């Protein structure tokens, strides 16, 4: 693989075989990975909360049906 520096930004290079622009700053890459992991964890937490609210709604519906029955 051959890389060419991107003019105006020392943290970016262009892969000559694919044309892709790549970030070579390890600190920025690490920070981006950490942000991605945190975002996924928040999404999972939100999904869990939605499931729990759904379960509570079902239980309340069952309670109401028994009281009306």
N, C-alpha and C. Protein backbone atom coordinates (compact mmCIF):
# COMPACT_ATOMS: atom_id res chain seq x y z
N UNK A 1 0.84 -1.18 0.00
CA UNK A 1 0.00 0.00 0.00
C UNK A 1 0.88 1.24 0.00
N UNK A 2 0.48 2.17 -0.80
CA UNK A 2 1.20 3.43 -0.88
C UNK A 2 0.25 4.55 -0.48
N UNK A 3 0.76 5.45 0.34
CA UNK A 3 -0.04 6.56 0.82
C UNK A 3 0.57 7.88 0.38
N UNK A 4 -0.29 8.82 0.07
CA UNK A 4 0.14 10.18 -0.24
C UNK A 4 -0.47 11.10 0.79
N UNK A 5 0.32 12.05 1.30
CA UNK A 5 -0.21 13.00 2.26
C UNK A 5 -1.27 13.88 1.61
N UNK A 6 -2.31 14.19 2.39
CA UNK A 6 -3.37 15.07 1.90
C UNK A 6 -2.93 16.50 2.19
N UNK A 7 -2.95 17.31 1.17
CA UNK A 7 -2.51 18.70 1.32
C UNK A 7 -3.42 19.43 2.30
N UNK A 8 -2.82 20.13 3.24
CA UNK A 8 -3.57 20.93 4.20
C UNK A 8 -3.96 20.20 5.47
N UNK A 9 -3.65 18.90 5.56
CA UNK A 9 -3.98 18.16 6.78
C UNK A 9 -2.95 17.05 6.98
N UNK A 10 -2.13 17.22 8.00
CA UNK A 10 -1.04 16.26 8.23
C UNK A 10 -1.53 14.94 8.81
N UNK A 11 -2.79 14.87 9.26
CA UNK A 11 -3.33 13.64 9.84
C UNK A 11 -4.03 12.75 8.82
N UNK A 12 -4.10 13.20 7.56
CA UNK A 12 -4.81 12.43 6.54
C UNK A 12 -3.86 12.02 5.42
N UNK A 13 -4.10 10.80 4.92
CA UNK A 13 -3.35 10.30 3.76
C UNK A 13 -4.35 9.68 2.79
N UNK A 14 -3.95 9.60 1.52
CA UNK A 14 -4.77 8.95 0.51
C UNK A 14 -4.12 7.64 0.13
N UNK A 15 -4.90 6.56 0.18
CA UNK A 15 -4.45 5.25 -0.27
C UNK A 15 -4.48 5.28 -1.80
N UNK A 16 -3.32 5.13 -2.42
CA UNK A 16 -3.25 5.26 -3.88
C UNK A 16 -3.94 4.13 -4.62
N UNK A 17 -4.09 2.97 -3.98
CA UNK A 17 -4.73 1.84 -4.68
C UNK A 17 -6.26 1.94 -4.66
N UNK A 18 -6.84 2.52 -3.59
CA UNK A 18 -8.30 2.59 -3.48
C UNK A 18 -8.84 4.01 -3.62
N UNK A 19 -7.97 4.98 -3.40
CA UNK A 19 -8.40 6.37 -3.43
C UNK A 19 -9.00 6.84 -2.12
N UNK A 20 -9.08 5.94 -1.14
CA UNK A 20 -9.67 6.28 0.15
C UNK A 20 -8.77 7.23 0.93
N UNK A 21 -9.41 8.13 1.66
CA UNK A 21 -8.66 9.02 2.55
C UNK A 21 -8.72 8.42 3.94
N UNK A 22 -7.57 8.28 4.57
CA UNK A 22 -7.44 7.63 5.87
C UNK A 22 -6.87 8.59 6.90
N UNK A 23 -7.39 8.47 8.13
CA UNK A 23 -6.87 9.24 9.24
C UNK A 23 -5.74 8.44 9.88
N UNK A 24 -4.58 9.01 10.02
CA UNK A 24 -3.44 8.30 10.59
C UNK A 24 -3.11 8.77 12.01
N UNK A 25 -3.94 9.66 12.56
CA UNK A 25 -3.72 10.15 13.92
C UNK A 25 -4.29 9.12 14.89
N UNK A 26 -3.43 8.41 15.60
CA UNK A 26 -3.85 7.31 16.47
C UNK A 26 -4.73 7.80 17.61
N UNK A 27 -4.48 8.99 18.14
CA UNK A 27 -5.30 9.53 19.21
C UNK A 27 -6.73 9.80 18.73
N UNK A 28 -6.86 10.35 17.53
CA UNK A 28 -8.19 10.62 16.97
C UNK A 28 -8.93 9.32 16.68
N UNK A 29 -8.22 8.33 16.18
CA UNK A 29 -8.83 7.02 15.89
C UNK A 29 -9.32 6.39 17.19
N UNK A 30 -8.50 6.43 18.22
CA UNK A 30 -8.87 5.87 19.51
C UNK A 30 -10.09 6.59 20.08
N UNK A 31 -10.11 7.90 20.00
CA UNK A 31 -11.24 8.68 20.50
C UNK A 31 -12.51 8.35 19.73
N UNK A 32 -12.41 8.17 18.42
CA UNK A 32 -13.58 7.83 17.60
C UNK A 32 -14.11 6.45 17.98
N UNK A 33 -13.23 5.51 18.23
CA UNK A 33 -13.66 4.17 18.64
C UNK A 33 -14.37 4.22 19.98
N UNK A 34 -13.83 5.04 20.90
CA UNK A 34 -14.44 5.18 22.22
C UNK A 34 -15.83 5.80 22.09
N UNK A 35 -15.98 6.83 21.25
CA UNK A 35 -17.29 7.45 21.04
C UNK A 35 -18.29 6.45 20.46
N UNK A 36 -17.81 5.64 19.53
CA UNK A 36 -18.68 4.64 18.90
C UNK A 36 -19.16 3.62 19.94
N UNK A 37 -18.24 3.16 20.79
CA UNK A 37 -18.60 2.20 21.83
C UNK A 37 -19.61 2.80 22.80
N UNK A 38 -19.38 4.05 23.21
CA UNK A 38 -20.30 4.71 24.13
C UNK A 38 -21.68 4.89 23.49
N UNK A 39 -21.70 5.22 22.20
CA UNK A 39 -22.98 5.38 21.50
C UNK A 39 -23.73 4.05 21.44
N UNK A 40 -23.01 2.96 21.16
CA UNK A 40 -23.64 1.64 21.12
C UNK A 40 -24.18 1.24 22.49
N UNK A 41 -23.43 1.57 23.54
CA UNK A 41 -23.87 1.24 24.90
C UNK A 41 -25.14 2.02 25.25
N UNK A 42 -25.21 3.29 24.85
CA UNK A 42 -26.41 4.09 25.11
C UNK A 42 -27.59 3.56 24.33
N UNK A 43 -27.37 3.15 23.09
CA UNK A 43 -28.44 2.57 22.28
C UNK A 43 -28.96 1.30 22.93
N UNK A 44 -28.06 0.47 23.43
CA UNK A 44 -28.46 -0.78 24.08
C UNK A 44 -29.25 -0.49 25.34
N UNK A 45 -28.80 0.49 26.12
CA UNK A 45 -29.51 0.88 27.34
C UNK A 45 -30.92 1.38 26.99
N UNK A 46 -31.03 2.18 25.94
CA UNK A 46 -32.33 2.69 25.51
C UNK A 46 -33.24 1.54 25.07
N UNK A 47 -32.70 0.60 24.32
CA UNK A 47 -33.48 -0.56 23.89
C UNK A 47 -33.97 -1.37 25.09
N UNK A 48 -33.10 -1.53 26.09
CA UNK A 48 -33.49 -2.26 27.30
C UNK A 48 -34.62 -1.54 28.02
N UNK A 49 -34.53 -0.21 28.11
CA UNK A 49 -35.58 0.56 28.76
C UNK A 49 -36.91 0.44 28.00
N UNK A 50 -36.84 0.46 26.67
CA UNK A 50 -38.07 0.30 25.88
C UNK A 50 -38.70 -1.06 26.16
N UNK A 51 -37.88 -2.10 26.24
CA UNK A 51 -38.40 -3.44 26.52
C UNK A 51 -39.05 -3.49 27.91
N UNK A 52 -38.41 -2.86 28.89
CA UNK A 52 -38.95 -2.86 30.25
C UNK A 52 -40.27 -2.10 30.31
N UNK A 53 -40.37 -0.97 29.62
CA UNK A 53 -41.62 -0.21 29.60
C UNK A 53 -42.71 -1.05 28.93
N UNK A 54 -42.35 -1.76 27.87
CA UNK A 54 -43.32 -2.64 27.21
C UNK A 54 -43.82 -3.72 28.16
N UNK A 55 -42.90 -4.30 28.95
CA UNK A 55 -43.30 -5.32 29.92
C UNK A 55 -44.23 -4.73 30.98
N UNK A 56 -43.93 -3.54 31.45
CA UNK A 56 -44.77 -2.88 32.46
C UNK A 56 -46.16 -2.62 31.89
N UNK A 57 -46.22 -2.18 30.64
CA UNK A 57 -47.53 -1.93 30.01
C UNK A 57 -48.34 -3.22 29.93
N UNK A 58 -47.70 -4.31 29.57
CA UNK A 58 -48.40 -5.59 29.50
C UNK A 58 -48.94 -6.00 30.87
N UNK A 59 -48.11 -5.83 31.91
CA UNK A 59 -48.54 -6.20 33.25
C UNK A 59 -49.70 -5.33 33.72
N UNK A 60 -49.63 -4.03 33.43
CA UNK A 60 -50.73 -3.15 33.81
C UNK A 60 -52.02 -3.51 33.09
N UNK A 61 -51.89 -3.88 31.82
CA UNK A 61 -53.07 -4.30 31.05
C UNK A 61 -53.67 -5.55 31.67
N UNK A 62 -52.83 -6.49 32.09
CA UNK A 62 -53.32 -7.72 32.71
C UNK A 62 -54.02 -7.42 34.05
N UNK A 63 -53.45 -6.51 34.81
CA UNK A 63 -54.04 -6.13 36.10
C UNK A 63 -55.41 -5.49 35.87
N UNK A 64 -55.49 -4.59 34.90
CA UNK A 64 -56.75 -3.92 34.61
C UNK A 64 -57.80 -4.93 34.14
N UNK A 65 -57.39 -5.88 33.31
CA UNK A 65 -58.32 -6.90 32.83
C UNK A 65 -58.85 -7.75 33.99
N UNK A 66 -58.01 -8.08 34.94
CA UNK A 66 -58.44 -8.87 36.10
C UNK A 66 -59.37 -8.07 36.99
N UNK A 67 -59.10 -6.78 37.14
CA UNK A 67 -59.97 -5.94 37.98
C UNK A 67 -61.34 -5.75 37.33
N UNK A 68 -61.36 -5.64 36.00
CA UNK A 68 -62.62 -5.46 35.28
C UNK A 68 -63.39 -6.77 35.17
N UNK A 69 -62.66 -7.88 35.19
CA UNK A 69 -63.25 -9.19 34.95
C UNK A 69 -64.23 -9.58 35.96
